[in-house]
């Protein structure tokens, strides 16, 4: 009985976490990281960069734009 209740609890919590999805902060951070890497690598002519490219998420897109600028600046400031 205790095991069944524990299993039901875990499944319920897992369902809520999956349904809730990604927060706006984590989407922004993921976009920022991707943008920073692309900005830095393209400005320094290092290599192509694999990114998530979640352009339908406005928080990701905003983070990407900010990160791209900062990544380019970081490359230019190191040289």
Protein backbone atom coordinates (compact mmCIF):
# COMPACT_ATOMS: atom_id res chain seq x y z
CA UNK A 1 0.00 0.00 0.00
CA UNK A 2 2.77 2.45 0.93
CA UNK A 3 4.62 1.62 -2.28
CA UNK A 4 1.50 2.28 -4.37
CA UNK A 5 0.92 5.66 -2.71
CA UNK A 6 4.56 6.58 -3.21
CA UNK A 7 4.38 5.60 -6.89
CA UNK A 8 1.18 7.62 -7.39
CA UNK A 9 2.80 10.63 -5.73
CA UNK A 10 5.92 10.41 -7.89
CA UNK A 11 3.87 10.06 -11.08
CA UNK A 12 1.66 13.01 -10.12
CA UNK A 13 4.61 15.28 -9.36
CA UNK A 14 6.37 14.21 -12.55
CA UNK A 15 3.27 14.97 -14.61
CA UNK A 16 3.01 18.47 -13.15
CA UNK A 17 6.69 19.16 -13.78
CA UNK A 18 6.47 18.01 -17.38
CA UNK A 19 3.26 19.96 -17.99
CA UNK A 20 4.71 23.13 -16.50
CA UNK A 21 7.48 23.26 -19.10
CA UNK A 22 10.50 25.49 -19.26
CA UNK A 23 10.51 28.77 -17.33
CA UNK A 24 11.09 32.07 -19.09
CA UNK A 25 14.37 32.47 -17.17
CA UNK A 26 15.74 29.13 -18.30
CA UNK A 27 14.66 29.79 -21.91
CA UNK A 28 16.42 33.17 -21.80
CA UNK A 29 19.54 31.60 -20.29
CA UNK A 30 19.59 28.85 -22.93
CA UNK A 31 19.17 31.46 -25.68
CA UNK A 32 21.85 33.67 -24.14
CA UNK A 33 24.32 30.78 -23.98
CA UNK A 34 23.60 29.84 -27.59
CA UNK A 35 23.87 33.44 -28.78
CA UNK A 36 27.08 34.03 -26.85
CA UNK A 37 28.70 30.96 -28.38
CA UNK A 38 27.62 31.91 -31.90
CA UNK A 39 28.66 35.55 -31.46
CA UNK A 40 32.05 34.64 -30.06
CA UNK A 41 32.78 31.85 -32.51
CA UNK A 42 31.67 33.73 -35.62
CA UNK A 43 33.49 36.94 -34.67
CA UNK A 44 36.70 35.05 -33.85
CA UNK A 45 36.26 32.78 -36.91
CA UNK A 46 36.53 29.67 -34.75
CA UNK A 47 33.92 27.24 -36.09
CA UNK A 48 30.23 26.70 -36.62
CA UNK A 49 28.14 26.23 -33.51
CA UNK A 50 25.24 23.88 -32.79
CA UNK A 51 22.35 25.65 -31.05
CA UNK A 52 18.78 24.90 -30.02
CA UNK A 53 17.28 27.54 -32.29
CA UNK A 54 13.97 27.76 -30.42
CA UNK A 55 12.90 30.88 -32.34
CA UNK A 56 9.23 30.47 -31.43
CA UNK A 57 10.09 31.17 -27.79
CA UNK A 58 10.40 34.95 -27.30
CA UNK A 59 12.52 34.52 -24.17
CA UNK A 60 14.98 32.30 -26.03
CA UNK A 61 15.15 34.82 -28.90
CA UNK A 62 15.76 37.75 -26.54
CA UNK A 63 18.49 35.84 -24.73
CA UNK A 64 20.06 34.83 -28.04
CA UNK A 65 20.21 38.44 -29.24
CA UNK A 66 21.78 39.64 -25.97
CA UNK A 67 24.23 36.74 -25.86
CA UNK A 68 25.30 37.22 -29.47
CA UNK A 69 26.27 40.84 -28.81
CA UNK A 70 28.15 39.94 -25.62
CA UNK A 71 29.93 37.03 -27.31
CA UNK A 72 31.11 39.24 -30.17
CA UNK A 73 32.31 41.88 -27.70
CA UNK A 74 34.20 39.25 -25.71
CA UNK A 75 36.06 38.12 -28.83
CA UNK A 76 36.90 41.67 -29.88
CA UNK A 77 38.08 42.62 -26.37
CA UNK A 78 40.48 39.71 -26.10
CA UNK A 79 42.40 40.62 -29.27
